[in-house]
Amino acid sequence: MDITCYSCSKETDFPEGKLGRLDSCDHCNAYLHCCMMCSFYDKSSYNECKEPMADRITEKEKSNYCDYFKVNTGVSANNEKDDLLAKANSLFKN
């Protein structure tokens, strides 16, 4: 399974279901089992997590023991910024 790192936006290959708590990106060494790589991560949600039963984790970039972690294979460091810029440009378009 190809995983796109939240930190450097480069792809790292891991066997399906084999992402461990301390696994890191081959390119930048950022932890991959962290909130920033989870499909439940949402900056606009309470505790920045869409899973209501998950414990609060304050350091979103650090490795954690969250039982609800589900890797988001489409994460990209620049996607959020680009999406917001595109929305703002379309709002003020003539």
Protein backbone atom coordinates (compact mmCIF):
# COMPACT_ATOMS: atom_id res chain seq x y z
CA MET A 1 0.00 0.00 0.00
CA ASP A 2 1.34 3.42 -0.91
CA ILE A 3 1.13 6.03 1.83
CA THR A 4 1.66 9.73 1.13
CA CYS A 5 3.48 11.40 4.01
CA TYR A 6 1.75 14.43 5.54
CA SER A 7 5.10 16.14 6.11
CA CYS A 8 6.97 15.82 2.79
CA SER A 9 4.17 14.62 0.44
CA LYS A 10 6.33 11.75 -0.82
CA GLU A 11 5.06 8.20 -1.14
CA THR A 12 6.27 5.35 1.06
CA ASP A 13 5.32 1.73 0.47
CA PHE A 14 4.09 -0.47 3.34
CA PRO A 15 2.58 -3.97 3.23
CA GLU A 16 -1.21 -3.82 3.65
CA GLY A 17 -2.15 -3.57 7.35
CA LYS A 18 1.49 -3.54 8.52
CA LEU A 19 1.87 0.11 9.55
CA GLY A 20 3.30 0.01 13.08
CA ARG A 21 3.17 2.67 15.78
CA LEU A 22 6.82 3.69 15.32
CA ASP A 23 7.02 3.42 11.52
CA SER A 24 8.27 6.55 9.82
CA CYS A 25 8.55 8.07 6.37
CA ASP A 26 11.51 6.79 4.34
CA HIS A 27 12.22 10.32 3.11
CA CYS A 28 11.79 12.70 6.07
CA ASN A 29 11.50 10.34 9.10
CA ALA A 30 8.13 11.80 10.19
CA TYR A 31 5.97 9.35 12.16
CA LEU A 32 3.23 7.77 10.06
CA HIS A 33 1.06 6.40 12.89
CA CYS A 34 -0.03 9.86 14.01
CA CYS A 35 -3.14 12.01 13.90
CA MET A 36 -1.95 13.88 10.81
CA MET A 37 -1.99 10.59 8.87
CA CYS A 38 -5.37 9.37 10.15
CA SER A 39 -8.56 9.39 8.10
CA PHE A 40 -10.40 10.74 11.19
CA TYR A 41 -8.15 13.83 11.44
CA ASP A 42 -10.13 17.00 10.76
CA LYS A 43 -8.92 20.42 11.81
CA SER A 44 -12.47 21.75 12.11
CA SER A 45 -13.73 18.97 14.41
CA TYR A 46 -13.68 18.88 18.20
CA ASN A 47 -10.16 17.80 19.28
CA GLU A 48 -9.36 17.82 15.54
CA CYS A 49 -10.79 14.29 15.27
CA LYS A 50 -14.03 13.06 13.66
CA GLU A 51 -14.04 9.95 15.90
CA PRO A 52 -16.05 10.98 19.00
CA MET A 53 -14.79 8.11 21.17
CA ALA A 54 -11.08 8.76 20.59
CA ASP A 55 -8.94 10.14 23.42
CA ARG A 56 -7.64 13.67 23.01
CA ILE A 57 -4.14 13.78 21.56
CA THR A 58 -2.45 17.16 21.69
CA GLU A 59 0.64 16.45 19.61
CA LYS A 60 -0.83 15.51 16.24
CA GLU A 61 2.55 14.87 14.55
CA LYS A 62 3.85 12.41 17.16
CA SER A 63 3.36 8.65 17.19
CA ASN A 64 0.42 7.55 19.35
CA TYR A 65 -1.52 4.53 20.63
CA CYS A 66 -4.96 5.54 19.30
CA ASP A 67 -7.16 2.47 18.84
CA TYR A 68 -9.23 4.25 16.17
CA PHE A 69 -6.28 5.06 13.89
CA LYS A 70 -7.05 4.36 10.25
CA VAL A 71 -4.38 5.39 7.79
CA ASN A 72 -5.41 7.97 5.22
CA THR A 73 -3.51 7.06 2.06
CA GLY A 74 -4.33 10.33 0.28
CA VAL A 75 -2.79 12.80 2.74
CA SER A 76 -0.71 15.60 1.30
CA ALA A 77 1.04 18.46 3.06
CA ASN A 78 -0.05 21.05 0.52
CA ASN A 79 -3.59 19.86 -0.27
CA GLU A 80 -5.31 21.82 2.52
CA LYS A 81 -3.56 25.08 1.64
CA ASP A 82 -4.24 24.63 -2.08
CA ASP A 83 -7.90 23.76 -1.45
CA LEU A 84 -8.41 26.84 0.72
CA LEU A 85 -6.71 29.08 -1.84
CA ALA A 86 -8.85 27.65 -4.65
CA LYS A 87 -12.03 28.22 -2.63
CA ALA A 88 -11.03 31.81 -1.84
CA ASN A 89 -10.20 32.50 -5.50
CA SER A 90 -13.53 31.10 -6.66
CA LEU A 91 -15.37 33.18 -4.06
CA PHE A 92 -13.89 36.44 -5.33
CA LYS A 93 -13.91 35.51 -9.03
CA ASN A 94 -15.48 38.13 -11.33
